Each structure stands twice: as structure tokens, then as C-alpha cells.
């Protein structure tokens, strides 16, 4: 998955959650998502969250709280 793919996916999820981010914020969230996607969590939870949608929502929730 490329960064642009991750940014597009995060943008779609954020829009469905009613969240809007600047381009810089969107890129930051996409990088966090890619870290998850490429990391250990993607390998161990792929059967639970095959598209990573739940991971994106977790990343966005952490950003809103921060």
C-alpha cells in the first residue's frame, strides 16, 4: 500500500466519521495507518480487521483526543 492509498483511505473514513483534517494532518494519520498496516498488528489481526478500517478509526480517535 502506498502513502497516497493510505491517505485516500483515511480521508474516506474520516469523512464518514464527520472529521476534517488539513493535508498535513491527513498525511500524519495516513503514516500512522501505514505503520499499523506494515507492522506486526497487520499480521496478527488481519483476520479480525482485513481492510484496516478499525485501525483507521483507532488512529483517528487517538488524534481527536490529542
PDB file of N, CA and C in Angstrom:
ATOM      1  N   UNK A   1       0.849  -1.162   0.000  1.00  0.00           N
ATOM      2  CA  UNK A   1       0.000   0.000   0.000  1.00  0.00           C
ATOM      3  C   UNK A   1       0.902   1.235   0.000  1.00  0.00           C
ATOM      4  N   UNK A   2       0.558   2.185  -0.844  1.00  0.00           N
ATOM      5  CA  UNK A   2       1.338   3.418  -0.923  1.00  0.00           C
ATOM      6  C   UNK A   2       0.781   4.467   0.036  1.00  0.00           C
ATOM      7  N   UNK A   3       1.541   5.525   0.234  1.00  0.00           N
ATOM      8  CA  UNK A   3       1.080   6.610   1.092  1.00  0.00           C
ATOM      9  C   UNK A   3      -0.184   7.247   0.521  1.00  0.00           C
ATOM     10  N   UNK A   4      -0.237   7.411  -0.795  1.00  0.00           N
ATOM     11  CA  UNK A   4      -1.438   8.014  -1.395  1.00  0.00           C
ATOM     12  C   UNK A   4      -2.661   7.123  -1.194  1.00  0.00           C
ATOM     13  N   UNK A   5      -2.474   5.804  -1.262  1.00  0.00           N
ATOM     14  CA  UNK A   5      -3.585   4.882  -0.983  1.00  0.00           C
ATOM     15  C   UNK A   5      -4.055   5.041   0.459  1.00  0.00           C
ATOM     16  N   UNK A   6      -3.096   5.113   1.372  1.00  0.00           N
ATOM     17  CA  UNK A   6      -3.437   5.265   2.790  1.00  0.00           C
ATOM     18  C   UNK A   6      -4.134   6.596   3.041  1.00  0.00           C
ATOM     19  N   UNK A   7      -3.666   7.660   2.404  1.00  0.00           N
ATOM     20  CA  UNK A   7      -4.300   8.972   2.577  1.00  0.00           C
ATOM     21  C   UNK A   7      -5.737   8.940   2.064  1.00  0.00           C
ATOM     22  N   UNK A   8      -5.944   8.310   0.939  1.00  0.00           N
ATOM     23  CA  UNK A   8      -7.293   8.206   0.379  1.00  0.00           C
ATOM     24  C   UNK A   8      -8.202   7.420   1.330  1.00  0.00           C
ATOM     25  N   UNK A   9      -7.693   6.338   1.861  1.00  0.00           N
ATOM     26  CA  UNK A   9      -8.496   5.505   2.752  1.00  0.00           C
ATOM     27  C   UNK A   9      -8.816   6.242   4.051  1.00  0.00           C
ATOM     28  N   UNK A  10      -7.819   6.903   4.627  1.00  0.00           N
ATOM     29  CA  UNK A  10      -8.040   7.660   5.861  1.00  0.00           C
ATOM     30  C   UNK A  10      -9.028   8.795   5.603  1.00  0.00           C
ATOM     31  N   UNK A  11      -8.907   9.465   4.456  1.00  0.00           N
ATOM     32  CA  UNK A  11      -9.829  10.555   4.115  1.00  0.00           C
ATOM     33  C   UNK A  11     -11.269  10.044   4.045  1.00  0.00           C
ATOM     34  N   UNK A  12     -11.465   8.882   3.433  1.00  0.00           N
ATOM     35  CA  UNK A  12     -12.815   8.304   3.324  1.00  0.00           C
ATOM     36  C   UNK A  12     -13.392   7.982   4.699  1.00  0.00           C
ATOM     37  N   UNK A  13     -12.597   7.359   5.546  1.00  0.00           N
ATOM     38  CA  UNK A  13     -13.069   7.004   6.888  1.00  0.00           C
ATOM     39  C   UNK A  13     -13.340   8.268   7.699  1.00  0.00           C
ATOM     40  N   UNK A  14     -12.446   9.239   7.620  1.00  0.00           N
ATOM     41  CA  UNK A  14     -12.640  10.491   8.361  1.00  0.00           C
ATOM     42  C   UNK A  14     -13.931  11.175   7.921  1.00  0.00           C
ATOM     43  N   UNK A  15     -14.189  11.197   6.620  1.00  0.00           N
ATOM     44  CA  UNK A  15     -15.415  11.823   6.116  1.00  0.00           C
ATOM     45  C   UNK A  15     -16.645  11.098   6.639  1.00  0.00           C
ATOM     46  N   UNK A  16     -16.587   9.780   6.674  1.00  0.00           N
ATOM     47  CA  UNK A  16     -17.737   9.015   7.169  1.00  0.00           C
ATOM     48  C   UNK A  16     -17.953   9.241   8.665  1.00  0.00           C
ATOM     49  N   UNK A  17     -16.884   9.619   9.376  1.00  0.00           N
ATOM     50  CA  UNK A  17     -16.972   9.908  10.807  1.00  0.00           C
ATOM     51  C   UNK A  17     -17.250  11.393  11.070  1.00  0.00           C
ATOM     52  N   UNK A  18     -17.340  12.180  10.001  1.00  0.00           N
ATOM     53  CA  UNK A  18     -17.609  13.607  10.148  1.00  0.00           C
ATOM     54  C   UNK A  18     -16.395  14.423  10.568  1.00  0.00           C
ATOM     55  N   UNK A  19     -15.197  13.927  10.286  1.00  0.00           N
ATOM     56  CA  UNK A  19     -13.958  14.617  10.661  1.00  0.00           C
ATOM     57  C   UNK A  19     -13.303  15.222   9.426  1.00  0.00           C
ATOM     58  N   UNK A  20     -12.676  16.373   9.610  1.00  0.00           N
ATOM     59  CA  UNK A  20     -11.937  17.021   8.527  1.00  0.00           C
ATOM     60  C   UNK A  20     -10.546  17.359   9.034  1.00  0.00           C
ATOM     61  N   UNK A  21      -9.564  17.136   8.176  1.00  0.00           N
ATOM     62  CA  UNK A  21      -8.179  17.385   8.547  1.00  0.00           C
ATOM     63  C   UNK A  21      -7.494  18.209   7.470  1.00  0.00           C
ATOM     64  N   UNK A  22      -6.476  18.948   7.880  1.00  0.00           N
ATOM     65  CA  UNK A  22      -5.625  19.630   6.904  1.00  0.00           C
ATOM     66  C   UNK A  22      -4.823  18.554   6.167  1.00  0.00           C
ATOM     67  N   UNK A  23      -4.188  18.961   5.084  1.00  0.00           N
ATOM     68  CA  UNK A  23      -3.399  17.999   4.312  1.00  0.00           C
ATOM     69  C   UNK A  23      -2.271  17.410   5.165  1.00  0.00           C
ATOM     70  N   UNK A  24      -1.653  18.243   5.986  1.00  0.00           N
ATOM     71  CA  UNK A  24      -0.567  17.770   6.851  1.00  0.00           C
ATOM     72  C   UNK A  24      -1.094  16.768   7.883  1.00  0.00           C
ATOM     73  N   UNK A  25      -2.231  17.082   8.504  1.00  0.00           N
ATOM     74  CA  UNK A  25      -2.820  16.167   9.485  1.00  0.00           C
ATOM     75  C   UNK A  25      -3.214  14.850   8.822  1.00  0.00           C
ATOM     76  N   UNK A  26      -3.799  14.943   7.632  1.00  0.00           N
ATOM     77  CA  UNK A  26      -4.201  13.741   6.903  1.00  0.00           C
ATOM     78  C   UNK A  26      -2.988  12.864   6.615  1.00  0.00           C
ATOM     79  N   UNK A  27      -1.902  13.487   6.190  1.00  0.00           N
ATOM     80  CA  UNK A  27      -0.684  12.734   5.902  1.00  0.00           C
ATOM     81  C   UNK A  27      -0.155  12.059   7.168  1.00  0.00           C
ATOM     82  N   UNK A  28      -0.178  12.775   8.280  1.00  0.00           N
ATOM     83  CA  UNK A  28       0.286  12.209   9.550  1.00  0.00           C
ATOM     84  C   UNK A  28      -0.540  10.989   9.936  1.00  0.00           C
ATOM     85  N   UNK A  29      -1.852  11.095   9.818  1.00  0.00           N
ATOM     86  CA  UNK A  29      -2.722   9.962  10.150  1.00  0.00           C
ATOM     87  C   UNK A  29      -2.495   8.800   9.185  1.00  0.00           C
ATOM     88  N   UNK A  30      -2.272   9.119   7.920  1.00  0.00           N
ATOM     89  CA  UNK A  30      -2.015   8.070   6.932  1.00  0.00           C
ATOM     90  C   UNK A  30      -0.707   7.348   7.240  1.00  0.00           C
ATOM     91  N   UNK A  31       0.300   8.081   7.686  1.00  0.00           N
ATOM     92  CA  UNK A  31       1.577   7.455   8.054  1.00  0.00           C
ATOM     93  C   UNK A  31       1.381   6.522   9.244  1.00  0.00           C
ATOM     94  N   UNK A  32       0.606   6.952  10.239  1.00  0.00           N
ATOM     95  CA  UNK A  32       0.316   6.077  11.384  1.00  0.00           C
ATOM     96  C   UNK A  32      -0.419   4.825  10.924  1.00  0.00           C
ATOM     97  N   UNK A  33      -1.357   4.988  10.001  1.00  0.00           N
ATOM     98  CA  UNK A  33      -2.085   3.838   9.470  1.00  0.00           C
ATOM     99  C   UNK A  33      -1.129   2.897   8.740  1.00  0.00           C
ATOM    100  N   UNK A  34      -0.231   3.452   7.942  1.00  0.00           N
ATOM    101  CA  UNK A  34       0.738   2.607   7.239  1.00  0.00           C
ATOM    102  C   UNK A  34       1.645   1.873   8.215  1.00  0.00           C
ATOM    103  N   UNK A  35       2.024   2.538   9.296  1.00  0.00           N
ATOM    104  CA  UNK A  35       2.821   1.859  10.326  1.00  0.00           C
ATOM    105  C   UNK A  35       2.070   0.640  10.844  1.00  0.00           C
ATOM    106  N   UNK A  36       0.777   0.820  11.093  1.00  0.00           N
ATOM    107  CA  UNK A  36      -0.037  -0.306  11.547  1.00  0.00           C
ATOM    108  C   UNK A  36      -0.115  -1.363  10.453  1.00  0.00           C
ATOM    109  N   UNK A  37      -0.408  -0.927   9.246  1.00  0.00           N
ATOM    110  CA  UNK A  37      -0.610  -1.841   8.119  1.00  0.00           C
ATOM    111  C   UNK A  37       0.631  -2.688   7.869  1.00  0.00           C
ATOM    112  N   UNK A  38       1.787  -2.065   7.936  1.00  0.00           N
ATOM    113  CA  UNK A  38       3.040  -2.755   7.636  1.00  0.00           C
ATOM    114  C   UNK A  38       3.658  -3.443   8.846  1.00  0.00           C
ATOM    115  N   UNK A  39       3.119  -3.189  10.013  1.00  0.00           N
ATOM    116  CA  UNK A  39       3.709  -3.718  11.231  1.00  0.00           C
ATOM    117  C   UNK A  39       3.122  -5.032  11.686  1.00  0.00           C
ATOM    118  N   UNK A  40       3.474  -5.380  12.881  1.00  0.00           N
ATOM    119  CA  UNK A  40       3.054  -6.643  13.476  1.00  0.00           C
ATOM    120  C   UNK A  40       1.542  -6.750  13.595  1.00  0.00           C
ATOM    121  N   UNK A  41       0.864  -5.645  13.922  1.00  0.00           N
ATOM    122  CA  UNK A  41      -0.580  -5.698  14.095  1.00  0.00           C
ATOM    123  C   UNK A  41      -1.293  -6.165  12.838  1.00  0.00           C
ATOM    124  N   UNK A  42      -0.789  -5.762  11.687  1.00  0.00           N
ATOM    125  CA  UNK A  42      -1.428  -6.169  10.439  1.00  0.00           C
ATOM    126  C   UNK A  42      -1.344  -7.679  10.260  1.00  0.00           C
ATOM    127  N   UNK A  43      -0.262  -8.267  10.720  1.00  0.00           N
ATOM    128  CA  UNK A  43      -0.089  -9.709  10.568  1.00  0.00           C
ATOM    129  C   UNK A  43      -0.917 -10.485  11.587  1.00  0.00           C
ATOM    130  N   UNK A  44      -1.052  -9.944  12.778  1.00  0.00           N
ATOM    131  CA  UNK A  44      -1.729 -10.694  13.833  1.00  0.00           C
ATOM    132  C   UNK A  44      -3.229 -10.459  13.881  1.00  0.00           C
ATOM    133  N   UNK A  45      -3.705  -9.345  13.315  1.00  0.00           N
ATOM    134  CA  UNK A  45      -5.146  -9.055  13.375  1.00  0.00           C
ATOM    135  C   UNK A  45      -5.799  -9.029  12.004  1.00  0.00           C
ATOM    136  N   UNK A  46      -5.113  -9.507  10.989  1.00  0.00           N
ATOM    137  CA  UNK A  46      -5.664  -9.454   9.632  1.00  0.00           C
ATOM    138  C   UNK A  46      -6.994 -10.183   9.529  1.00  0.00           C
ATOM    139  N   UNK A  47      -7.162 -11.246  10.283  1.00  0.00           N
ATOM    140  CA  UNK A  47      -8.414 -11.997  10.221  1.00  0.00           C
ATOM    141  C   UNK A  47      -9.556 -11.248  10.901  1.00  0.00           C
ATOM    142  N   UNK A  48      -9.247 -10.336  11.827  1.00  0.00           N
ATOM    143  CA  UNK A  48     -10.263  -9.568  12.540  1.00  0.00           C
ATOM    144  C   UNK A  48     -10.627  -8.305  11.765  1.00  0.00           C
ATOM    145  N   UNK A  49      -9.640  -7.655  11.179  1.00  0.00           N
ATOM    146  CA  UNK A  49      -9.811  -6.358  10.518  1.00  0.00           C
ATOM    147  C   UNK A  49      -9.092  -6.389   9.168  1.00  0.00           C
ATOM    148  N   UNK A  50      -9.599  -7.163   8.206  1.00  0.00           N
ATOM    149  CA  UNK A  50      -8.858  -7.372   6.962  1.00  0.00           C
ATOM    150  C   UNK A  50      -8.619  -6.107   6.146  1.00  0.00           C
ATOM    151  N   UNK A  51      -9.514  -5.124   6.214  1.00  0.00           N
ATOM    152  CA  UNK A  51      -9.325  -3.897   5.433  1.00  0.00           C
ATOM    153  C   UNK A  51      -8.575  -2.835   6.206  1.00  0.00           C
ATOM    154  N   UNK A  52      -8.470  -2.992   7.514  1.00  0.00           N
ATOM    155  CA  UNK A  52      -7.810  -1.997   8.339  1.00  0.00           C
ATOM    156  C   UNK A  52      -8.720  -0.861   8.757  1.00  0.00           C
ATOM    157  N   UNK A  53     -10.008  -0.966   8.459  1.00  0.00           N
ATOM    158  CA  UNK A  53     -10.942   0.116   8.787  1.00  0.00           C
ATOM    159  C   UNK A  53     -10.969   0.409  10.283  1.00  0.00           C
ATOM    160  N   UNK A  54     -10.969  -0.639  11.094  1.00  0.00           N
ATOM    161  CA  UNK A  54     -10.977  -0.426  12.543  1.00  0.00           C
ATOM    162  C   UNK A  54      -9.695   0.270  12.992  1.00  0.00           C
ATOM    163  N   UNK A  55      -8.591  -0.063  12.350  1.00  0.00           N
ATOM    164  CA  UNK A  55      -7.318   0.578  12.702  1.00  0.00           C
ATOM    165  C   UNK A  55      -7.357   2.064  12.378  1.00  0.00           C
ATOM    166  N   UNK A  56      -7.924   2.412  11.228  1.00  0.00           N
ATOM    167  CA  UNK A  56      -8.029   3.826  10.869  1.00  0.00           C
ATOM    168  C   UNK A  56      -8.870   4.555  11.903  1.00  0.00           C
ATOM    169  N   UNK A  57      -9.971   3.961  12.306  1.00  0.00           N
ATOM    170  CA  UNK A  57     -10.833   4.600  13.302  1.00  0.00           C
ATOM    171  C   UNK A  57     -10.103   4.773  14.628  1.00  0.00           C
ATOM    172  N   UNK A  58      -9.263   3.799  15.005  1.00  0.00           N
ATOM    173  CA  UNK A  58      -8.484   3.933  16.241  1.00  0.00           C
ATOM    174  C   UNK A  58      -7.470   5.067  16.119  1.00  0.00           C
ATOM    175  N   UNK A  59      -6.804   5.156  14.973  1.00  0.00           N
ATOM    176  CA  UNK A  59      -5.820   6.219  14.759  1.00  0.00           C
ATOM    177  C   UNK A  59      -6.500   7.580  14.814  1.00  0.00           C
ATOM    178  N   UNK A  60      -7.660   7.695  14.169  1.00  0.00           N
ATOM    179  CA  UNK A  60      -8.380   8.968  14.170  1.00  0.00           C
ATOM    180  C   UNK A  60      -8.886   9.308  15.564  1.00  0.00           C
ATOM    181  N   UNK A  61      -9.345   8.325  16.302  1.00  0.00           N
ATOM    182  CA  UNK A  61      -9.832   8.570  17.662  1.00  0.00           C
ATOM    183  C   UNK A  61      -8.700   9.077  18.550  1.00  0.00           C
ATOM    184  N   UNK A  62      -7.514   8.527  18.391  1.00  0.00           N
ATOM    185  CA  UNK A  62      -6.367   8.986  19.167  1.00  0.00           C
ATOM    186  C   UNK A  62      -6.022  10.421  18.797  1.00  0.00           C
ATOM    187  N   UNK A  63      -6.154  10.766  17.530  1.00  0.00           N
ATOM    188  CA  UNK A  63      -5.831  12.116  17.072  1.00  0.00           C
ATOM    189  C   UNK A  63      -6.818  13.131  17.624  1.00  0.00           C
ATOM    190  N   UNK A  64      -8.078  12.760  17.705  1.00  0.00           N
ATOM    191  CA  UNK A  64      -9.104  13.666  18.206  1.00  0.00           C
ATOM    192  C   UNK A  64      -8.892  13.930  19.688  1.00  0.00           C
ATOM    193  N   UNK A  65      -8.465  12.900  20.421  1.00  0.00           N
ATOM    194  CA  UNK A  65      -8.217  13.054  21.856  1.00  0.00           C
ATOM    195  C   UNK A  65      -6.963  13.873  22.135  1.00  0.00           C
ATOM    196  N   UNK A  66      -6.012  13.845  21.217  1.00  0.00           N
ATOM    197  CA  UNK A  66      -4.720  14.527  21.441  1.00  0.00           C
ATOM    198  C   UNK A  66      -4.827  16.028  21.288  1.00  0.00           C
TER     199      UNK A  66
END
